[in-house]
Amino acid sequence: MEDGVIVRIDGVSAPTATDRKRAAIVEAATRRFLRQGYDATRIDQIAADAAASKQTVYNQFGDKEALFRQVVLGATATAEAFAAALPASFDDVPDAAVPDALRALARRYLATTAAPQVLALRRLVVGEATRFPKLAATYHERAPALVMAAFAELFARLGARGVLRVPDPAEAAQHFAFLVVGPAIDRGMLLVDVEAPGPATVRRTADRAVEVFLAGYRR
């Protein structure tokens, strides 16, 4: 296999050496930006961490700002996939099982949102929002706002089924989200060394949040 040549195995494109080097640079840049911030991170540091030359980094991304954009917006893929699948994920859930499904959803949402790297990225984006306002707005659109819209669509569907009483799906989405992750985000935005909540904490916090949510929205 030669650099830049795509090899197909059983009809599937295998990553090239260029793909692997690009991924290594993004991974190294992510670690540096999250640990040091934008200003303190230098291209030569990223290159050394990725076992690449500075010229390779520049050839792949152009400059530090473009690489920073790649790190920030590349991290939205998980939120985008979650949001795309969410509204229809309850379609086959029996009405009686919806509370259990909401608890499972809340646990997953909390565990993901309260992960230290996710909180560190959010702190980074907020910290650089004045310098890169369009980037911050795009991140918000592709991650938090997109997930909130998916919650709203889910609750609209559950309201239409008569499982929940949902006069305002967007408001219901906000209530659900902030009950589940609000305290974790508050801590994570200010406490740099906050640890990820353990399984027992996730279960207790998420289940209690769903209990409060259902008290207001169950028919």
Protein backbone atom coordinates (compact mmCIF):
# COMPACT_ATOMS: atom_id res chain seq x y z
CA MET A 1 0.00 0.00 0.00
CA GLU A 2 1.33 3.43 -0.93
CA ASP A 3 0.53 6.76 0.76
CA GLY A 4 -2.63 8.29 -0.63
CA VAL A 5 -3.72 5.08 -2.37
CA ILE A 6 -7.02 3.60 -1.20
CA VAL A 7 -6.95 -0.18 -0.90
CA ARG A 8 -10.26 -2.04 -1.02
CA ILE A 9 -10.71 -5.22 0.97
CA ASP A 10 -13.94 -7.13 0.34
CA GLY A 11 -15.44 -3.98 -1.13
CA VAL A 12 -14.56 -1.81 1.89
CA SER A 13 -12.07 1.05 1.63
CA ALA A 14 -9.14 0.51 4.01
CA PRO A 15 -7.58 3.59 5.63
CA THR A 16 -4.48 4.85 3.87
CA ALA A 17 -1.27 5.95 5.52
CA THR A 18 -2.41 9.53 4.92
CA ASP A 19 -5.73 8.82 6.66
CA ARG A 20 -3.94 7.33 9.65
CA LYS A 21 -1.51 10.24 9.89
CA ARG A 22 -4.36 12.73 9.69
CA ALA A 23 -6.22 10.91 12.46
CA ALA A 24 -3.07 10.88 14.61
CA ILE A 25 -2.67 14.64 14.15
CA VAL A 26 -6.30 15.28 15.14
CA GLU A 27 -5.92 13.06 18.20
CA ALA A 28 -2.72 14.81 19.25
CA ALA A 29 -4.27 18.23 18.66
CA THR A 30 -7.33 17.29 20.69
CA ARG A 31 -5.19 16.30 23.68
CA ARG A 32 -3.14 19.50 23.46
CA PHE A 33 -6.07 21.88 22.99
CA LEU A 34 -8.04 20.33 25.83
CA ARG A 35 -5.07 20.37 28.19
CA GLN A 36 -3.45 23.69 27.25
CA GLY A 37 -6.07 25.75 25.43
CA TYR A 38 -5.76 27.37 22.03
CA ASP A 39 -3.10 30.02 22.71
CA ALA A 40 -0.63 27.77 24.51
CA THR A 41 -0.80 24.99 21.91
CA ARG A 42 1.81 25.09 19.16
CA ILE A 43 1.91 23.23 15.87
CA ASP A 44 5.37 21.84 16.64
CA GLN A 45 3.98 20.24 19.82
CA ILE A 46 1.14 18.64 17.92
CA ALA A 47 3.49 17.42 15.21
CA ALA A 48 5.84 15.85 17.75
CA ASP A 49 2.97 14.13 19.58
CA ALA A 50 1.66 12.74 16.28
CA ALA A 51 5.13 11.67 15.08
CA ALA A 52 4.69 13.95 12.08
CA SER A 53 6.53 16.92 10.65
CA LYS A 54 5.22 20.46 11.01
CA GLN A 55 4.96 20.60 7.24
CA THR A 56 2.72 17.52 7.24
CA VAL A 57 0.39 19.22 9.73
CA TYR A 58 0.26 22.35 7.59
CA ASN A 59 -0.25 20.31 4.43
CA GLN A 60 -3.17 18.46 6.00
CA PHE A 61 -4.92 21.33 7.79
CA GLY A 62 -3.50 24.64 6.59
CA ASP A 63 -3.00 26.35 9.94
CA LYS A 64 -3.72 26.05 13.66
CA GLU A 65 -7.13 27.69 13.41
CA ALA A 66 -8.29 25.18 10.78
CA LEU A 67 -7.01 22.32 12.89
CA PHE A 68 -8.83 23.73 15.91
CA ARG A 69 -12.05 23.86 13.88
CA GLN A 70 -11.52 20.22 12.90
CA VAL A 71 -11.10 19.19 16.52
CA VAL A 72 -14.19 21.07 17.71
CA LEU A 73 -16.57 20.21 14.88
CA GLY A 74 -15.27 16.66 14.52
CA ALA A 75 -16.44 16.05 18.07
CA THR A 76 -20.06 16.72 17.11
CA ALA A 77 -20.40 13.43 15.20
CA THR A 78 -21.53 11.55 18.31
CA ALA A 79 -24.22 14.12 19.09
CA GLU A 80 -25.38 14.11 15.47
CA ALA A 81 -25.72 10.32 15.41
CA PHE A 82 -27.52 10.32 18.77
CA ALA A 83 -29.96 13.02 17.64
CA ALA A 84 -30.67 11.34 14.31
CA ALA A 85 -31.69 8.07 15.93
CA LEU A 86 -33.50 9.42 18.98
CA PRO A 87 -37.00 10.47 17.83
CA ALA A 88 -37.87 7.11 16.29
CA SER A 89 -36.17 5.06 19.01
CA PHE A 90 -39.35 4.92 21.12
CA ASP A 91 -41.71 4.03 18.27
CA ASP A 92 -41.69 0.33 19.14
CA VAL A 93 -41.61 0.83 22.92
CA PRO A 94 -44.97 -0.17 24.50
CA ASP A 95 -46.69 2.63 26.38
CA ALA A 96 -46.23 0.89 29.72
CA ALA A 97 -42.48 0.57 29.11
CA VAL A 98 -41.90 4.24 28.25
CA PRO A 99 -40.84 5.23 31.81
CA ASP A 100 -38.16 2.51 31.83
CA ALA A 101 -37.03 3.58 28.36
CA LEU A 102 -36.78 7.19 29.52
CA ARG A 103 -34.67 6.11 32.49
CA ALA A 104 -32.33 4.22 30.15
CA LEU A 105 -32.15 7.25 27.86
CA ALA A 106 -31.43 9.60 30.76
CA ARG A 107 -28.63 7.34 32.04
CA ARG A 108 -27.02 7.23 28.61
CA TYR A 109 -27.37 10.98 28.14
CA LEU A 110 -25.88 11.78 31.55
CA ALA A 111 -22.98 9.33 31.22
CA THR A 112 -22.06 10.78 27.83
CA THR A 113 -22.50 14.46 28.69
CA ALA A 114 -20.65 14.21 32.01
CA ALA A 115 -17.62 12.47 30.50
CA PRO A 116 -14.52 14.54 31.39
CA GLN A 117 -13.41 14.95 27.76
CA VAL A 118 -16.86 16.15 26.70
CA LEU A 119 -16.92 18.71 29.50
CA ALA A 120 -13.36 19.77 28.67
CA LEU A 121 -14.34 20.37 25.05
CA ARG A 122 -17.33 22.44 26.15
CA ARG A 123 -15.08 24.54 28.41
CA LEU A 124 -12.68 25.00 25.51
CA VAL A 125 -15.41 26.14 23.11
CA VAL A 126 -16.87 28.53 25.68
CA GLY A 127 -13.43 29.89 26.50
CA GLU A 128 -12.72 30.61 22.83
CA ALA A 129 -16.24 31.80 21.89
CA THR A 130 -15.20 35.45 21.76
CA ARG A 131 -12.28 34.67 19.47
CA PHE A 132 -14.24 32.21 17.31
CA PRO A 133 -17.92 33.18 17.61
CA LYS A 134 -18.99 31.45 14.39
CA LEU A 135 -17.27 28.24 15.44
CA ALA A 136 -18.99 28.33 18.84
CA ALA A 137 -22.35 28.94 17.16
CA THR A 138 -21.80 26.04 14.75
CA TYR A 139 -20.79 23.74 17.61
CA HIS A 140 -23.94 24.71 19.48
CA GLU A 141 -26.07 24.08 16.40
CA ARG A 142 -24.54 20.67 15.70
CA ALA A 143 -24.42 19.38 19.28
CA PRO A 144 -26.46 20.85 22.18
CA ALA A 145 -29.18 22.46 20.04
CA LEU A 146 -29.46 19.43 17.77
CA VAL A 147 -29.88 17.08 20.72
CA MET A 148 -32.47 19.40 22.27
CA ALA A 149 -34.44 19.40 19.01
CA ALA A 150 -34.32 15.60 18.96
CA PHE A 151 -35.68 15.46 22.51
CA ALA A 152 -38.46 17.84 21.48
CA GLU A 153 -39.39 15.59 18.55
CA LEU A 154 -39.37 12.54 20.81
CA PHE A 155 -41.69 14.17 23.33
CA ALA A 156 -43.95 15.45 20.55
CA ARG A 157 -44.34 11.85 19.36
CA LEU A 158 -45.00 10.58 22.87
CA GLY A 159 -47.54 13.36 23.37
CA ALA A 160 -49.29 12.46 20.12
CA ARG A 161 -49.50 8.85 21.29
CA GLY A 162 -51.12 9.98 24.51
CA VAL A 163 -48.33 8.57 26.68
CA LEU A 164 -47.31 12.00 27.97
CA ARG A 165 -49.04 15.35 28.27
CA VAL A 166 -46.80 17.64 26.21
CA PRO A 167 -48.30 21.06 25.44
CA ASP A 168 -44.90 22.42 24.41
CA PRO A 169 -42.36 19.80 23.17
CA ALA A 170 -39.45 22.27 23.12
CA GLU A 171 -40.10 23.24 26.73
CA ALA A 172 -40.43 19.57 27.70
CA ALA A 173 -37.07 18.90 26.07
CA GLN A 174 -35.45 21.66 28.11
CA HIS A 175 -36.99 20.37 31.33
CA PHE A 176 -35.85 16.81 30.66
CA ALA A 177 -32.33 17.77 29.60
CA PHE A 178 -31.60 20.14 32.45
CA LEU A 179 -33.07 17.84 35.07
CA VAL A 180 -30.74 15.10 33.83
CA VAL A 181 -27.50 16.94 33.09
CA GLY A 182 -27.82 20.47 34.49
CA PRO A 183 -25.88 19.91 37.75
CA ALA A 184 -23.19 17.86 35.99
CA ILE A 185 -22.64 20.61 33.41
CA ASP A 186 -22.50 23.30 36.11
CA ARG A 187 -19.79 21.35 37.97
CA GLY A 188 -17.93 20.43 34.82
CA MET A 189 -17.77 23.98 33.50
CA LEU A 190 -16.07 25.25 36.66
CA LEU A 191 -14.27 22.28 38.21
CA VAL A 192 -11.48 21.30 35.86
CA ASP A 193 -10.58 18.05 37.62
CA VAL A 194 -14.13 16.77 38.03
CA GLU A 195 -14.34 13.01 37.56
CA ALA A 196 -16.93 11.15 35.56
CA PRO A 197 -19.87 10.01 37.71
CA GLY A 198 -19.80 6.32 38.52
CA PRO A 199 -22.54 3.93 37.39
CA ALA A 200 -24.40 4.15 40.71
CA THR A 201 -24.41 7.96 40.61
CA VAL A 202 -25.53 8.00 36.98
CA ARG A 203 -28.36 5.59 37.73
CA ARG A 204 -29.54 7.44 40.84
CA THR A 205 -29.32 10.92 39.27
CA ALA A 206 -30.93 9.95 35.97
CA ASP A 207 -33.72 7.93 37.56
CA ARG A 208 -34.60 10.74 39.97
CA ALA A 209 -34.61 13.25 37.10
CA VAL A 210 -37.03 11.07 35.12
CA GLU A 211 -39.24 10.68 38.19
CA VAL A 212 -39.51 14.47 38.52
CA PHE A 213 -40.04 14.86 34.76
CA LEU A 214 -42.85 12.30 34.70
CA ALA A 215 -44.53 13.96 37.66
CA GLY A 216 -45.06 16.97 35.42
CA TYR A 217 -45.69 15.30 32.07
CA ARG A 218 -47.31 11.92 32.59
CA ARG A 219 -50.98 11.73 31.73
